[in-house]
Protein backbone atom coordinates (compact mmCIF):
# COMPACT_ATOMS: atom_id res chain seq x y z
CA MET A 1 81.38 30.98 87.16
CA THR A 2 85.03 30.63 86.83
CA THR A 3 87.06 30.98 90.01
CA ALA A 4 89.08 28.09 91.95
CA ALA A 5 92.21 27.14 90.04
CA PRO A 6 92.58 23.42 88.72
CA ASP A 7 94.97 21.15 90.60
CA VAL A 8 97.85 20.36 88.08
CA GLU A 9 99.97 18.37 90.99
CA GLY A 10 97.74 15.31 91.26
CA VAL A 11 96.94 13.47 94.25
CA SER A 12 100.08 11.92 95.90
CA ALA A 13 100.14 8.38 97.52
CA SER A 14 102.79 9.23 100.20
CA LEU A 15 102.03 10.73 103.53
CA ALA A 16 105.12 12.70 103.31
CA ASP A 17 104.32 14.32 100.11
CA ARG A 18 101.00 15.07 100.87
CA ALA A 19 102.66 16.51 104.18
CA TYR A 20 105.22 18.36 101.81
CA ILE A 21 102.57 19.89 99.74
CA ALA A 22 100.26 21.01 102.42
CA ILE A 23 102.98 23.03 104.23
CA ARG A 24 104.95 24.13 101.11
CA ASP A 25 102.04 25.79 100.17
CA GLN A 26 101.25 27.23 103.53
CA LEU A 27 104.57 28.60 103.56
CA ILE A 28 104.46 30.20 99.64
CA MET A 29 101.09 31.77 100.61
CA LEU A 30 102.60 33.36 104.13
CA GLU A 31 99.98 31.10 106.20
CA ILE A 32 103.23 30.55 107.84
CA ARG A 33 104.93 34.21 107.87
CA PRO A 34 108.77 34.68 107.48
CA ASN A 35 111.08 33.80 110.08
CA GLU A 36 107.90 32.23 112.19
CA PRO A 37 108.70 28.98 114.09
CA ILE A 38 107.50 25.75 112.88
CA ASP A 39 105.58 23.60 115.32
CA ASP A 40 105.95 19.88 113.86
CA ASP A 41 103.26 18.46 116.26
CA ALA A 42 100.82 21.21 115.69
CA LEU A 43 101.10 20.52 111.68
CA ALA A 44 100.85 16.93 112.05
CA ARG A 45 97.53 17.36 113.82
CA SER A 46 96.17 19.80 111.60
CA LEU A 47 97.33 17.61 108.21
CA GLY A 48 96.17 14.48 110.21
CA VAL A 49 99.37 12.73 109.78
CA GLY A 50 101.81 11.48 112.12
CA ARG A 51 105.13 13.29 113.19
CA THR A 52 107.34 11.56 111.05
CA PRO A 53 105.91 12.23 107.59
CA VAL A 54 106.19 16.16 108.18
CA ARG A 55 109.64 15.86 109.55
CA GLU A 56 110.59 14.05 106.38
CA ALA A 57 108.43 17.03 104.53
CA LEU A 58 110.35 19.51 106.36
CA LYS A 59 113.85 18.40 105.34
CA ARG A 60 112.99 18.34 101.99
CA LEU A 61 111.15 22.10 102.30
CA GLU A 62 114.92 23.02 103.70
CA VAL A 63 116.32 22.09 100.57
CA ASP A 64 113.62 24.26 98.92
CA ARG A 65 115.08 27.26 100.96
CA LEU A 66 111.58 27.45 102.56
CA VAL A 67 112.19 26.41 106.07
CA VAL A 68 115.84 26.57 107.97
CA SER A 69 116.57 24.54 111.08
CA TYR A 70 119.07 25.34 113.80
CA PRO A 71 120.76 23.24 116.36
CA ARG A 72 118.89 23.49 119.79
CA ARG A 73 116.53 25.99 118.28
CA GLY A 74 114.29 24.24 115.88
CA THR A 75 112.88 24.91 112.37
CA PHE A 76 111.63 28.28 111.06
CA ALA A 77 110.09 29.57 108.06
CA THR A 78 113.02 31.17 105.97
CA GLY A 79 113.15 35.05 106.20
CA MET A 80 112.81 37.28 102.98
CA ASP A 81 115.40 40.13 102.29
CA ILE A 82 114.63 42.05 98.54
CA THR A 83 118.10 41.00 97.60
CA ASP A 84 116.38 37.47 96.96
CA LEU A 85 114.25 39.15 94.19
CA ALA A 86 117.57 39.89 92.16
CA HIS A 87 119.07 36.58 92.88
CA ILE A 88 115.66 34.90 91.71
CA SER A 89 114.91 36.91 89.02
CA GLU A 90 118.14 36.41 87.41
CA ILE A 91 117.51 32.72 87.39
CA ARG A 92 113.91 33.11 85.97
CA VAL A 93 114.79 35.31 83.41
CA GLN A 94 116.97 32.67 81.78
CA LEU A 95 114.73 29.59 82.13
CA GLU A 96 111.13 30.62 82.14
CA PRO A 97 111.76 31.57 78.65
CA LEU A 98 113.42 28.39 78.03
CA ALA A 99 110.71 26.08 79.51
CA ALA A 100 107.77 28.07 77.29
CA ARG A 101 110.18 27.38 74.26
CA ARG A 102 110.66 24.11 75.15
CA ALA A 103 106.53 23.51 75.68
CA ALA A 104 106.03 25.09 72.41
CA GLU A 105 108.00 23.07 70.42
CA ARG A 106 107.70 19.52 72.35
CA ALA A 107 104.29 19.63 74.24
CA PRO A 108 102.18 16.64 72.96
CA ARG A 109 98.76 17.26 71.57
CA GLU A 110 96.90 16.21 74.93
CA LEU A 111 98.94 18.90 77.01
CA ARG A 112 98.58 21.72 74.14
CA GLY A 113 94.82 21.14 74.67
CA GLU A 114 95.26 21.54 78.50
CA LEU A 115 97.00 24.09 78.10
CA ALA A 116 94.69 26.15 75.34
CA GLY A 117 92.04 25.11 77.98
CA LEU A 118 93.85 26.68 80.65
CA ALA A 119 93.83 29.92 78.88
CA ASP A 120 89.95 29.71 78.27
CA ARG A 121 89.47 29.58 81.87
CA LEU A 122 91.32 32.41 82.40
CA VAL A 123 89.75 34.68 80.00
CA ASP A 124 86.36 33.40 81.99
CA LEU A 125 87.78 34.26 85.04
CA GLU A 126 85.48 36.65 87.03
CA VAL A 127 88.80 38.59 88.53
CA ASP A 128 86.23 40.95 90.86
CA ALA A 129 85.15 37.26 92.52
CA VAL A 130 88.61 35.99 93.33
CA ASP A 131 90.29 37.20 95.90
CA ARG A 132 94.25 37.99 95.41
CA SER A 133 95.20 34.62 97.06
CA GLU A 134 93.39 32.34 94.65
CA LEU A 135 94.58 34.58 91.78
CA MET A 136 98.17 33.60 93.45
CA ARG A 137 96.96 30.06 93.15
CA TRP A 138 96.08 30.65 89.37
CA ASP A 139 99.60 31.80 88.91
CA LEU A 140 101.04 28.97 90.32
CA THR A 141 98.85 26.53 88.32
CA VAL A 142 99.78 28.18 84.88
CA HIS A 143 103.59 27.89 85.46
CA ARG A 144 103.46 24.55 86.83
CA ALA A 145 101.13 23.39 83.51
CA ILE A 146 103.82 25.26 81.24
CA TYR A 147 106.95 23.52 83.08
CA ARG A 148 105.19 20.26 82.67
CA ALA A 149 104.88 20.64 79.06
CA ALA A 150 108.51 21.22 78.49
CA GLY A 151 109.14 17.80 79.22
CA ASN A 152 112.32 18.41 81.05
CA PRO A 153 111.81 17.00 84.40
CA HIS A 154 115.40 18.79 85.77
CA LEU A 155 114.23 22.02 84.46
CA ASP A 156 110.40 21.35 85.81
CA ASP A 157 112.32 21.02 89.44
CA VAL A 158 114.53 23.93 89.45
CA LEU A 159 111.98 26.18 88.00
CA VAL A 160 109.00 25.04 90.67
CA ARG A 161 111.67 25.78 93.06
CA TYR A 162 112.03 29.15 92.33
CA ASP A 163 108.90 29.87 91.14
CA ASN A 164 107.74 28.85 94.84
CA LEU A 165 110.50 31.57 96.12
CA ALA A 166 109.10 34.15 93.47
CA THR A 167 105.36 33.67 94.52
CA ARG A 168 106.08 34.13 98.21
CA ILE A 169 107.83 37.46 97.64
CA PHE A 170 104.81 38.45 95.26
CA CYS A 171 102.60 37.62 98.22
CA LEU A 172 104.50 39.20 100.73
CA PHE A 173 103.81 42.45 98.61
CA LEU A 174 100.14 41.49 97.30
CA ASP A 175 98.05 44.17 98.90
CA ARG A 176 100.31 46.76 97.53
CA LEU A 177 100.17 45.84 94.54
CA PRO A 178 97.51 47.38 91.73
CA THR A 179 97.80 45.12 89.08
CA VAL A 180 97.94 41.56 90.46
CA ASP A 181 95.02 40.55 87.79
CA ALA A 182 96.74 41.94 84.84
CA HIS A 183 100.07 39.91 85.81
CA VAL A 184 97.97 37.07 85.75
CA GLY A 185 95.76 37.56 82.96
CA GLU A 186 99.35 37.83 80.74
CA HIS A 187 99.30 34.31 81.01
CA VAL A 188 96.57 33.79 78.32
CA GLY A 189 98.61 34.93 75.44
CA LEU A 190 101.40 32.73 76.78
CA LEU A 191 99.53 29.75 77.23
CA ARG A 192 97.99 30.20 73.69
CA ALA A 193 101.48 30.66 72.39
CA ILE A 194 102.65 27.31 73.15
CA ALA A 195 99.58 25.59 72.81
CA GLU A 196 99.67 27.00 69.00
CA GLY A 197 103.36 25.95 68.76
CA GLN A 198 104.60 29.51 68.39
CA ALA A 199 108.22 29.19 70.28
CA ASP A 200 109.48 32.43 69.36
CA ARG A 201 106.43 34.59 71.10
CA ALA A 202 106.01 31.80 73.66
CA GLU A 203 109.78 32.59 74.72
CA GLU A 204 109.67 36.42 74.51
CA LEU A 205 106.60 36.48 76.60
CA ALA A 206 107.60 34.70 79.32
CA ARG A 207 110.65 36.79 79.39
CA GLU A 208 108.35 39.93 79.41
CA HIS A 209 106.40 38.02 82.42
CA VAL A 210 109.13 37.89 84.24
CA ILE A 211 111.08 41.17 83.84
CA GLY A 212 106.98 42.75 84.38
CA PHE A 213 107.18 40.73 88.09
CA GLU A 214 110.32 42.01 89.28
CA ARG A 215 109.49 45.83 87.97
CA ALA A 216 106.35 45.61 89.75
CA ILE A 217 107.72 44.31 93.02
CA ARG A 218 110.53 47.22 93.04
CA ALA A 219 107.77 49.86 92.27
CA VAL A 220 105.99 49.07 95.73
CA ILE A 221 109.09 48.73 97.99
């Protein structure tokens, strides 16, 4: 039975990188809620690292707009405003199709095979056996794989940042959205189009996916 999303980011050798990834994921999945204060001592203990790696991670997360620091007040998870949705979507609707096109045009054979395999795993995914948080991890996994396949590290950096912010909004409304499984399922056609080198189709499917995401959120606001 296929349930858990594969890890496409690899294992970091740096304690600060490990702390960054772990805290980032807690923020994205709303395990740390918007506007919640960040206790770096508690995070260090829970992650089994020192305070220095956690503080380095928090500096990076501030650049990512996932945390915000205030003098003499401390560090907090950033709040969320629905106006963020329009701003984020405005960027993603331009860059996600570009990444999909470039991946279809440039991805080497090995990466195309990985994308095709990911599509097959999604087809076999037993949605009823997967909670919605895990479905969101699948969503993140697919997007990360496509960004890597595009072969542009600068595009990858930008899209990861905005996909993180978009996923955070998605998670905020997760319990009110009736079509999370369908949203994740849309990735199958996109992944296969890229794997098969269908650049025009991949670009269009990526655009429809981003537009559909914003439409789904606005429908439940």
